[in-house]
Amino acid sequence: MPLLVLSPRYTPDSKALRAASGRLGWAAERLGGRRAPDRLRGKDVALYGEPTFVEAVAAQVGVRLLDVPPGWLPALPDRHRRRDIAVSALGDVRSALTEPTFVKPADGRKAFEGRVFAAPGELPGRDALPDETPVLTCEPVRWDVEFRCHVLDGEVVAMSPYLLDGELALTADGEWRAPESDVREAAEYAAEVLGEVPVPAATVLDVGRIRGRGWAVVEANAVWGAGLYGCDPEKVLTVLARACVRPERLTAADRDWATGEVAGGANR
C-alpha cells in the first residue's frame, strides 16, 4: 500500500486524508518541511499538500505527478467552456486590460488569488510577479452552482458541490449540499466531458452551470493539491495514489500528463 506523505501544514483536508489512510490500512507521515528523508526514495508514496511542497518532495523521492497543462482549459471545445478563455502573459494583461476580466495563474499555483480585475492597477505588481508570468484570462460569468469531481481512469469516484449562488455550499450542520437536480445534472455532465475530453488517469474536474448558458467546465486541478469539500476521503486517496507515479510505472498515456523531475529527467 502507498505511504501517504503530507506537508507540514495542518488543514482539515490533510487531517481527513490521514484519518482515511488509517481506515484503509495505509501508513502516513507528515513531514516537517520540503526536504524528504532518504528512506522515502523509491517507495510508493501518495503526496498531498501545497504544490511547492509536493513538487519538491516528488523530485526527491523519484515520482512523477499527473496534471493537466496550462493550455488544457482554453483548448476545450466551446460547448465545454461557454466563455472566452485564453492563456496570456501577465505583462500583456497589465498593458491591455480595459474591461473587467477574470485573471488567475495559469499553472494552478496560488501566486495570487484568481478574481475579476477591473483595472491594471489592481493586478499584482512587477515587484511581486514578473511580466512573463503565465496567466489565464476569462470572460467574467456567473456560476449558479459548482461541483468538484475526483476522477480515476475516466470515471468520477467522488463528487461534492462547493459553491451555490456564489457562496460555499456548506450547511449549518457541516454538510456540503446542492439541490438533487443539480447533483444529478452535474454527474451527467461530468460523465459527458470525460467521454469526450482527454484527461489524466487521476485528476480533479470542476464543473458548474453558468447562468443563462448552461453546464461547463470550471477548471481541472491536480489531485495532490485540491481541496476535498464533501468528497469521500477514502475514495480521494485512491485517486491521489494514481496521480503519484514511479517512473518505471508510467504508462504511455501517463507521459502526456506527467510533470516534475525524475533522477536527472526534464520538466514538462
C-alpha atoms as a PDB file:
ATOM      1  CA  MET A   1       0.000   0.000   0.000  1.00  0.00           C
ATOM      2  CA  PRO A   2       1.203   3.557  -0.628  1.00  0.00           C
ATOM      3  CA  LEU A   3       2.609   5.757   2.102  1.00  0.00           C
ATOM      4  CA  LEU A   4       0.597   8.958   2.477  1.00  0.00           C
ATOM      5  CA  VAL A   5       3.051  11.863   2.784  1.00  0.00           C
ATOM      6  CA  LEU A   6       1.600  15.169   3.997  1.00  0.00           C
ATOM      7  CA  SER A   7       3.003  18.687   4.122  1.00  0.00           C
ATOM      8  CA  PRO A   8       3.741  20.366   7.474  1.00  0.00           C
ATOM      9  CA  ARG A   9       0.601  22.480   7.142  1.00  0.00           C
ATOM     10  CA  TYR A  10      -2.291  21.081   9.184  1.00  0.00           C
ATOM     11  CA  THR A  11      -5.572  21.560   7.309  1.00  0.00           C
ATOM     12  CA  PRO A  12      -8.973  19.907   7.701  1.00  0.00           C
ATOM     13  CA  ASP A  13      -8.392  18.143   4.371  1.00  0.00           C
ATOM     14  CA  SER A  14      -4.986  16.761   5.313  1.00  0.00           C
ATOM     15  CA  LYS A  15      -6.382  15.575   8.649  1.00  0.00           C
ATOM     16  CA  ALA A  16      -9.313  13.893   6.891  1.00  0.00           C
ATOM     17  CA  LEU A  17      -6.973  12.146   4.460  1.00  0.00           C
ATOM     18  CA  ARG A  18      -4.711  10.958   7.261  1.00  0.00           C
ATOM     19  CA  ALA A  19      -7.678   9.515   9.158  1.00  0.00           C
ATOM     20  CA  ALA A  20      -8.936   7.858   5.957  1.00  0.00           C
ATOM     21  CA  SER A  21      -5.499   6.376   5.279  1.00  0.00           C
ATOM     22  CA  GLY A  22      -5.643   4.648   8.664  1.00  0.00           C
ATOM     23  CA  ARG A  23      -9.029   3.162   7.854  1.00  0.00           C
ATOM     24  CA  LEU A  24      -7.586   1.800   4.610  1.00  0.00           C
ATOM     25  CA  GLY A  25      -4.563   0.347   6.352  1.00  0.00           C
ATOM     26  CA  TRP A  26      -2.095   2.814   4.823  1.00  0.00           C
ATOM     27  CA  ALA A  27       0.846   4.263   6.720  1.00  0.00           C
ATOM     28  CA  ALA A  28       1.006   8.063   6.853  1.00  0.00           C
ATOM     29  CA  GLU A  29       3.709  10.576   7.630  1.00  0.00           C
ATOM     30  CA  ARG A  30       3.655  14.354   7.953  1.00  0.00           C
ATOM     31  CA  LEU A  31       6.996  15.908   7.023  1.00  0.00           C
ATOM     32  CA  GLY A  32       8.470  18.899   8.808  1.00  0.00           C
ATOM     33  CA  GLY A  33       9.499  20.665   5.593  1.00  0.00           C
ATOM     34  CA  ARG A  34      10.236  20.238   1.913  1.00  0.00           C
ATOM     35  CA  ARG A  35      13.270  18.023   2.461  1.00  0.00           C
ATOM     36  CA  ALA A  36      12.302  14.363   2.109  1.00  0.00           C
ATOM     37  CA  PRO A  37      14.111  11.726   4.192  1.00  0.00           C
ATOM     38  CA  ASP A  38      16.334   9.446   2.101  1.00  0.00           C
ATOM     39  CA  ARG A  39      14.339   6.442   3.312  1.00  0.00           C
ATOM     40  CA  LEU A  40      11.367   7.601   1.222  1.00  0.00           C
ATOM     41  CA  ARG A  41      13.230   7.402  -2.067  1.00  0.00           C
ATOM     42  CA  GLY A  42      11.965   4.519  -4.158  1.00  0.00           C
ATOM     43  CA  LYS A  43       8.845   3.996  -2.054  1.00  0.00           C
ATOM     44  CA  ASP A  44       5.268   4.103  -3.306  1.00  0.00           C
ATOM     45  CA  VAL A  45       4.041   7.417  -1.969  1.00  0.00           C
ATOM     46  CA  ALA A  46       0.875   9.459  -2.285  1.00  0.00           C
ATOM     47  CA  LEU A  47       1.778  13.119  -1.796  1.00  0.00           C
ATOM     48  CA  TYR A  48      -0.631  15.808  -0.630  1.00  0.00           C
ATOM     49  CA  GLY A  49      -0.154  19.449   0.239  1.00  0.00           C
ATOM     50  CA  GLU A  50       0.792  22.776  -1.286  1.00  0.00           C
ATOM     51  CA  PRO A  51       2.100  22.486  -4.883  1.00  0.00           C
ATOM     52  CA  THR A  52       5.567  23.758  -3.975  1.00  0.00           C
ATOM     53  CA  PHE A  53       5.836  21.103  -1.252  1.00  0.00           C
ATOM     54  CA  VAL A  54       4.505  18.260  -3.389  1.00  0.00           C
ATOM     55  CA  GLU A  55       6.708  19.094  -6.372  1.00  0.00           C
ATOM     56  CA  ALA A  56       9.830  19.404  -4.232  1.00  0.00           C
ATOM     57  CA  VAL A  57       9.239  16.114  -2.427  1.00  0.00           C
ATOM     58  CA  ALA A  58       8.257  14.294  -5.633  1.00  0.00           C
ATOM     59  CA  ALA A  59      11.567  15.259  -7.230  1.00  0.00           C
ATOM     60  CA  GLN A  60      13.486  13.978  -4.203  1.00  0.00           C
ATOM     61  CA  VAL A  61      11.696  10.649  -3.796  1.00  0.00           C
ATOM     62  CA  GLY A  62      11.574   9.956  -7.531  1.00  0.00           C
ATOM     63  CA  VAL A  63       7.919  10.074  -8.552  1.00  0.00           C
ATOM     64  CA  ARG A  64       6.150  11.808 -11.402  1.00  0.00           C
ATOM     65  CA  LEU A  65       2.965  13.784 -10.858  1.00  0.00           C
ATOM     66  CA  LEU A  66      -0.053  13.769 -13.163  1.00  0.00           C
ATOM     67  CA  ASP A  67      -1.631  17.116 -14.012  1.00  0.00           C
ATOM     68  CA  VAL A  68      -3.169  18.974 -16.942  1.00  0.00           C
ATOM     69  CA  PRO A  69      -1.003  21.602 -18.723  1.00  0.00           C
ATOM     70  CA  PRO A  70      -1.887  25.328 -18.538  1.00  0.00           C
ATOM     71  CA  GLY A  71      -3.405  25.281 -22.020  1.00  0.00           C
ATOM     72  CA  TRP A  72      -5.869  22.477 -21.293  1.00  0.00           C
ATOM     73  CA  LEU A  73      -8.844  24.647 -20.327  1.00  0.00           C
ATOM     74  CA  PRO A  74      -8.619  27.188 -23.189  1.00  0.00           C
ATOM     75  CA  ALA A  75      -8.281  24.307 -25.667  1.00  0.00           C
ATOM     76  CA  LEU A  76     -11.597  22.723 -24.678  1.00  0.00           C
ATOM     77  CA  PRO A  77     -14.414  22.813 -27.248  1.00  0.00           C
ATOM     78  CA  ASP A  78     -16.632  25.862 -26.877  1.00  0.00           C
ATOM     79  CA  ARG A  79     -19.540  23.716 -25.652  1.00  0.00           C
ATOM     80  CA  HIS A  80     -17.455  22.802 -22.593  1.00  0.00           C
ATOM     81  CA  ARG A  81     -16.138  26.333 -21.948  1.00  0.00           C
ATOM     82  CA  ARG A  82     -19.148  28.554 -22.702  1.00  0.00           C
ATOM     83  CA  ARG A  83     -16.994  31.663 -22.157  1.00  0.00           C
ATOM     84  CA  ASP A  84     -13.870  33.196 -23.678  1.00  0.00           C
ATOM     85  CA  ILE A  85     -10.640  31.875 -22.093  1.00  0.00           C
ATOM     86  CA  ALA A  86      -7.035  32.446 -23.144  1.00  0.00           C
ATOM     87  CA  VAL A  87      -3.502  31.888 -21.907  1.00  0.00           C
ATOM     88  CA  SER A  88      -1.519  35.111 -21.723  1.00  0.00           C
ATOM     89  CA  ALA A  89       1.462  36.715 -20.037  1.00  0.00           C
ATOM     90  CA  LEU A  90       0.781  38.880 -17.017  1.00  0.00           C
ATOM     91  CA  GLY A  91       2.684  41.741 -18.639  1.00  0.00           C
ATOM     92  CA  ASP A  92       0.377  41.661 -21.656  1.00  0.00           C
ATOM     93  CA  VAL A  93      -2.658  41.757 -19.383  1.00  0.00           C
ATOM     94  CA  ARG A  94      -1.161  44.694 -17.488  1.00  0.00           C
ATOM     95  CA  SER A  95      -0.797  46.552 -20.796  1.00  0.00           C
ATOM     96  CA  ALA A  96      -4.104  45.614 -22.396  1.00  0.00           C
ATOM     97  CA  LEU A  97      -6.675  45.351 -19.591  1.00  0.00           C
ATOM     98  CA  THR A  98      -9.502  47.746 -20.435  1.00  0.00           C
ATOM     99  CA  GLU A  99     -12.565  45.930 -19.060  1.00  0.00           C
ATOM    100  CA  PRO A 100     -13.321  43.643 -16.110  1.00  0.00           C
ATOM    101  CA  THR A 101     -11.600  40.281 -16.690  1.00  0.00           C
ATOM    102  CA  PHE A 102     -11.130  37.197 -14.555  1.00  0.00           C
ATOM    103  CA  VAL A 103      -7.388  36.537 -14.211  1.00  0.00           C
ATOM    104  CA  LYS A 104      -5.629  33.690 -12.396  1.00  0.00           C
ATOM    105  CA  PRO A 105      -2.232  31.940 -12.539  1.00  0.00           C
ATOM    106  CA  ALA A 106      -2.149  29.526 -15.490  1.00  0.00           C
ATOM    107  CA  ASP A 107      -0.122  26.879 -13.682  1.00  0.00           C
ATOM    108  CA  GLY A 108      -2.637  26.322 -10.898  1.00  0.00           C
ATOM    109  CA  ARG A 109      -0.316  27.727  -8.239  1.00  0.00           C
ATOM    110  CA  LYS A 110      -1.591  30.360  -5.841  1.00  0.00           C
ATOM    111  CA  ALA A 111       0.863  33.103  -6.786  1.00  0.00           C
ATOM    112  CA  PHE A 112      -2.210  35.322  -6.468  1.00  0.00           C
ATOM    113  CA  GLU A 113      -5.911  34.721  -5.971  1.00  0.00           C
ATOM    114  CA  GLY A 114      -7.892  34.423  -9.182  1.00  0.00           C
ATOM    115  CA  ARG A 115     -10.648  37.009  -9.407  1.00  0.00           C
ATOM    116  CA  VAL A 116     -12.148  39.691 -11.637  1.00  0.00           C
ATOM    117  CA  PHE A 117      -9.769  42.627 -12.128  1.00  0.00           C
ATOM    118  CA  ALA A 118     -11.242  45.878 -13.429  1.00  0.00           C
ATOM    119  CA  ALA A 119      -8.046  47.872 -13.987  1.00  0.00           C
ATOM    120  CA  PRO A 120      -4.292  47.183 -14.448  1.00  0.00           C
ATOM    121  CA  GLY A 121      -3.506  48.771 -11.100  1.00  0.00           C
ATOM    122  CA  GLU A 122      -5.449  46.002  -9.334  1.00  0.00           C
ATOM    123  CA  LEU A 123      -3.168  43.273 -10.713  1.00  0.00           C
ATOM    124  CA  PRO A 124      -0.133  42.067  -8.752  1.00  0.00           C
ATOM    125  CA  GLY A 125       2.764  44.470  -9.248  1.00  0.00           C
ATOM    126  CA  ARG A 126       6.032  43.755 -11.034  1.00  0.00           C
ATOM    127  CA  ASP A 127       7.753  43.690  -7.655  1.00  0.00           C
ATOM    128  CA  ALA A 128       5.654  40.612  -6.857  1.00  0.00           C
ATOM    129  CA  LEU A 129       5.397  38.824 -10.238  1.00  0.00           C
ATOM    130  CA  PRO A 130       7.341  39.388 -13.477  1.00  0.00           C
ATOM    131  CA  ASP A 131       5.687  40.248 -16.785  1.00  0.00           C
ATOM    132  CA  GLU A 132       6.346  36.766 -18.198  1.00  0.00           C
ATOM    133  CA  THR A 133       4.197  35.046 -15.539  1.00  0.00           C
ATOM    134  CA  PRO A 134       1.646  32.900 -17.444  1.00  0.00           C
ATOM    135  CA  VAL A 135      -1.976  33.602 -16.588  1.00  0.00           C
ATOM    136  CA  LEU A 136      -5.425  32.564 -17.725  1.00  0.00           C
ATOM    137  CA  THR A 137      -7.821  35.334 -18.677  1.00  0.00           C
ATOM    138  CA  CYS A 138     -11.536  34.595 -18.723  1.00  0.00           C
ATOM    139  CA  GLU A 139     -14.696  36.429 -19.574  1.00  0.00           C
ATOM    140  CA  PRO A 140     -16.498  37.038 -16.257  1.00  0.00           C
ATOM    141  CA  VAL A 141     -19.581  34.852 -15.847  1.00  0.00           C
ATOM    142  CA  ARG A 142     -21.931  33.981 -13.016  1.00  0.00           C
ATOM    143  CA  TRP A 143     -21.966  30.371 -11.837  1.00  0.00           C
ATOM    144  CA  ASP A 144     -25.215  29.098 -10.343  1.00  0.00           C
ATOM    145  CA  VAL A 145     -23.564  26.030  -8.842  1.00  0.00           C
ATOM    146  CA  GLU A 146     -20.124  24.375  -8.952  1.00  0.00           C
ATOM    147  CA  PHE A 147     -19.039  20.789  -8.228  1.00  0.00           C
ATOM    148  CA  ARG A 148     -15.701  19.115  -7.553  1.00  0.00           C
ATOM    149  CA  CYS A 149     -15.192  15.688  -9.145  1.00  0.00           C
ATOM    150  CA  HIS A 150     -12.306  13.383  -8.290  1.00  0.00           C
ATOM    151  CA  VAL A 151     -11.673  11.309 -11.401  1.00  0.00           C
ATOM    152  CA  LEU A 152      -9.950   7.932 -11.691  1.00  0.00           C
ATOM    153  CA  ASP A 153      -9.445   6.272 -15.078  1.00  0.00           C
ATOM    154  CA  GLY A 154     -12.141   8.385 -16.689  1.00  0.00           C
ATOM    155  CA  GLU A 155     -14.785   7.851 -14.011  1.00  0.00           C
ATOM    156  CA  VAL A 156     -15.973  10.164 -11.254  1.00  0.00           C
ATOM    157  CA  VAL A 157     -15.336   8.328  -7.976  1.00  0.00           C
ATOM    158  CA  ALA A 158     -16.143  11.192  -5.583  1.00  0.00           C
ATOM    159  CA  MET A 159     -18.142  14.368  -6.122  1.00  0.00           C
ATOM    160  CA  SER A 160     -19.231  17.299  -3.981  1.00  0.00           C
ATOM    161  CA  PRO A 161     -20.802  20.710  -4.524  1.00  0.00           C
ATOM    162  CA  TYR A 162     -18.628  23.555  -3.295  1.00  0.00           C
ATOM    163  CA  LEU A 163     -20.335  26.769  -4.421  1.00  0.00           C
ATOM    164  CA  LEU A 164     -24.032  27.567  -4.680  1.00  0.00           C
ATOM    165  CA  ASP A 165     -25.045  31.010  -5.975  1.00  0.00           C
ATOM    166  CA  GLY A 166     -21.524  32.241  -5.280  1.00  0.00           C
ATOM    167  CA  GLU A 167     -21.461  31.081  -1.661  1.00  0.00           C
ATOM    168  CA  LEU A 168     -19.937  27.976  -0.107  1.00  0.00           C
ATOM    169  CA  ALA A 169     -22.429  25.110  -0.410  1.00  0.00           C
ATOM    170  CA  LEU A 170     -21.894  24.288   3.259  1.00  0.00           C
ATOM    171  CA  THR A 171     -24.914  23.949   5.506  1.00  0.00           C
ATOM    172  CA  ALA A 172     -25.119  24.960   9.132  1.00  0.00           C
ATOM    173  CA  ASP A 173     -24.767  21.311  10.129  1.00  0.00           C
ATOM    174  CA  GLY A 174     -21.500  20.970   8.220  1.00  0.00           C
ATOM    175  CA  GLU A 175     -22.805  19.186   5.111  1.00  0.00           C
ATOM    176  CA  TRP A 176     -21.923  20.109   1.524  1.00  0.00           C
ATOM    177  CA  ARG A 177     -25.259  20.194  -0.279  1.00  0.00           C
ATOM    178  CA  ALA A 178     -26.898  21.286  -3.511  1.00  0.00           C
ATOM    179  CA  PRO A 179     -30.354  20.592  -4.962  1.00  0.00           C
ATOM    180  CA  GLU A 180     -30.728  16.962  -6.042  1.00  0.00           C
ATOM    181  CA  SER A 181     -31.490  18.046  -9.598  1.00  0.00           C
ATOM    182  CA  ASP A 182     -28.175  19.897  -9.721  1.00  0.00           C
ATOM    183  CA  VAL A 183     -26.327  16.881  -8.306  1.00  0.00           C
ATOM    184  CA  ARG A 184     -27.850  14.649 -10.957  1.00  0.00           C
ATOM    185  CA  GLU A 185     -27.138  17.074 -13.793  1.00  0.00           C
ATOM    186  CA  ALA A 186     -23.562  17.642 -12.604  1.00  0.00           C
ATOM    187  CA  ALA A 187     -22.850  13.907 -12.554  1.00  0.00           C
ATOM    188  CA  GLU A 188     -24.321  13.503 -16.033  1.00  0.00           C
ATOM    189  CA  TYR A 189     -22.375  16.456 -17.396  1.00  0.00           C
ATOM    190  CA  ALA A 190     -19.075  15.355 -15.840  1.00  0.00           C
ATOM    191  CA  ALA A 191     -19.519  11.932 -17.452  1.00  0.00           C
ATOM    192  CA  GLU A 192     -20.183  13.640 -20.784  1.00  0.00           C
ATOM    193  CA  VAL A 193     -16.981  15.684 -20.500  1.00  0.00           C
ATOM    194  CA  LEU A 194     -14.912  12.649 -19.542  1.00  0.00           C
ATOM    195  CA  GLY A 195     -16.308  10.760 -22.524  1.00  0.00           C
ATOM    196  CA  GLU A 196     -15.176  13.496 -24.917  1.00  0.00           C
ATOM    197  CA  VAL A 197     -12.126  15.232 -23.448  1.00  0.00           C
ATOM    198  CA  PRO A 198      -8.708  13.680 -22.678  1.00  0.00           C
ATOM    199  CA  VAL A 199      -7.674  13.971 -19.020  1.00  0.00           C
ATOM    200  CA  PRO A 200      -5.003  12.328 -16.848  1.00  0.00           C
ATOM    201  CA  ALA A 201      -5.789   8.944 -15.305  1.00  0.00           C
ATOM    202  CA  ALA A 202      -6.110  10.751 -11.965  1.00  0.00           C
ATOM    203  CA  THR A 203      -7.325  14.327 -11.818  1.00  0.00           C
ATOM    204  CA  VAL A 204      -9.862  16.714 -10.327  1.00  0.00           C
ATOM    205  CA  LEU A 205     -12.504  18.124 -12.657  1.00  0.00           C
ATOM    206  CA  ASP A 206     -14.613  21.077 -11.565  1.00  0.00           C
ATOM    207  CA  VAL A 207     -17.881  21.607 -13.419  1.00  0.00           C
ATOM    208  CA  GLY A 208     -20.694  24.081 -12.980  1.00  0.00           C
ATOM    209  CA  ARG A 209     -23.688  25.762 -14.551  1.00  0.00           C
ATOM    210  CA  ILE A 210     -23.196  29.246 -15.947  1.00  0.00           C
ATOM    211  CA  ARG A 211     -26.277  31.380 -15.550  1.00  0.00           C
ATOM    212  CA  GLY A 212     -28.060  31.716 -18.874  1.00  0.00           C
ATOM    213  CA  ARG A 213     -25.576  29.491 -20.730  1.00  0.00           C
ATOM    214  CA  GLY A 214     -25.602  26.005 -19.253  1.00  0.00           C
ATOM    215  CA  TRP A 215     -23.149  23.449 -17.884  1.00  0.00           C
ATOM    216  CA  ALA A 216     -19.426  23.995 -18.471  1.00  0.00           C
ATOM    217  CA  VAL A 217     -16.009  23.040 -17.166  1.00  0.00           C
ATOM    218  CA  VAL A 218     -14.787  25.413 -14.471  1.00  0.00           C
ATOM    219  CA  GLU A 219     -11.222  24.043 -14.478  1.00  0.00           C
ATOM    220  CA  ALA A 220      -9.126  20.947 -13.814  1.00  0.00           C
ATOM    221  CA  ASN A 221      -6.844  20.666 -10.784  1.00  0.00           C
ATOM    222  CA  ALA A 222      -4.004  18.447  -9.643  1.00  0.00           C
ATOM    223  CA  VAL A 223      -5.314  15.867  -7.164  1.00  0.00           C
ATOM    224  CA  TRP A 224      -2.304  16.331  -4.915  1.00  0.00           C
ATOM    225  CA  GLY A 225      -3.219  19.924  -4.074  1.00  0.00           C
ATOM    226  CA  ALA A 226      -7.008  20.002  -4.459  1.00  0.00           C
ATOM    227  CA  GLY A 227      -9.437  20.528  -1.606  1.00  0.00           C
ATOM    228  CA  LEU A 228     -11.898  17.797  -0.694  1.00  0.00           C
ATOM    229  CA  TYR A 229     -15.040  19.735   0.241  1.00  0.00           C
ATOM    230  CA  GLY A 230     -17.569  16.935   0.765  1.00  0.00           C
ATOM    231  CA  CYS A 231     -15.765  14.255  -1.261  1.00  0.00           C
ATOM    232  CA  ASP A 232     -15.212  10.891   0.435  1.00  0.00           C
ATOM    233  CA  PRO A 233     -11.560  10.999   1.590  1.00  0.00           C
ATOM    234  CA  GLU A 234     -11.107   7.242   1.201  1.00  0.00           C
ATOM    235  CA  LYS A 235     -12.091   7.452  -2.455  1.00  0.00           C
ATOM    236  CA  VAL A 236      -9.937  10.548  -2.892  1.00  0.00           C
ATOM    237  CA  LEU A 237      -6.933   8.561  -1.655  1.00  0.00           C
ATOM    238  CA  THR A 238      -7.337   6.062  -4.496  1.00  0.00           C
ATOM    239  CA  VAL A 239      -7.166   8.946  -6.972  1.00  0.00           C
ATOM    240  CA  LEU A 240      -4.256  10.544  -5.150  1.00  0.00           C
ATOM    241  CA  ALA A 241      -2.226   7.335  -5.237  1.00  0.00           C
ATOM    242  CA  ARG A 242      -2.721   7.059  -9.002  1.00  0.00           C
ATOM    243  CA  ALA A 243      -1.576  10.656  -9.515  1.00  0.00           C
ATOM    244  CA  CYS A 244       1.862   9.972  -7.978  1.00  0.00           C
ATOM    245  CA  VAL A 245       3.618   7.529 -10.296  1.00  0.00           C
ATOM    246  CA  ARG A 246       7.002   5.870 -10.107  1.00  0.00           C
ATOM    247  CA  PRO A 247       8.851   6.418 -13.419  1.00  0.00           C
ATOM    248  CA  GLU A 248       9.001   2.746 -14.270  1.00  0.00           C
ATOM    249  CA  ARG A 249       5.212   2.517 -13.911  1.00  0.00           C
ATOM    250  CA  LEU A 250       4.316   5.411 -16.198  1.00  0.00           C
ATOM    251  CA  THR A 251       2.028   4.263 -18.981  1.00  0.00           C
ATOM    252  CA  ALA A 252       2.260   5.697 -22.464  1.00  0.00           C
ATOM    253  CA  ALA A 253      -0.844   7.748 -21.706  1.00  0.00           C
ATOM    254  CA  ASP A 254       0.621   8.972 -18.402  1.00  0.00           C
ATOM    255  CA  ARG A 255       3.608  10.505 -20.191  1.00  0.00           C
ATOM    256  CA  ASP A 256       1.336  13.091 -21.801  1.00  0.00           C
ATOM    257  CA  TRP A 257       0.412  14.389 -18.341  1.00  0.00           C
ATOM    258  CA  ALA A 258       3.493  13.744 -16.189  1.00  0.00           C
ATOM    259  CA  THR A 259       5.119  16.763 -14.572  1.00  0.00           C
ATOM    260  CA  GLY A 260       8.142  17.211 -12.363  1.00  0.00           C
ATOM    261  CA  GLU A 261      11.608  15.703 -12.318  1.00  0.00           C
ATOM    262  CA  VAL A 262      12.914  12.187 -12.034  1.00  0.00           C
ATOM    263  CA  ALA A 263      16.547  11.375 -11.396  1.00  0.00           C
ATOM    264  CA  GLY A 264      18.028  13.691 -13.962  1.00  0.00           C
ATOM    265  CA  GLY A 265      14.911  13.871 -16.155  1.00  0.00           C
ATOM    266  CA  ALA A 266      13.432  17.046 -17.590  1.00  0.00           C
ATOM    267  CA  ASN A 267      10.331  19.004 -16.693  1.00  0.00           C
ATOM    268  CA  ARG A 268       7.263  19.020 -18.928  1.00  0.00           C
END
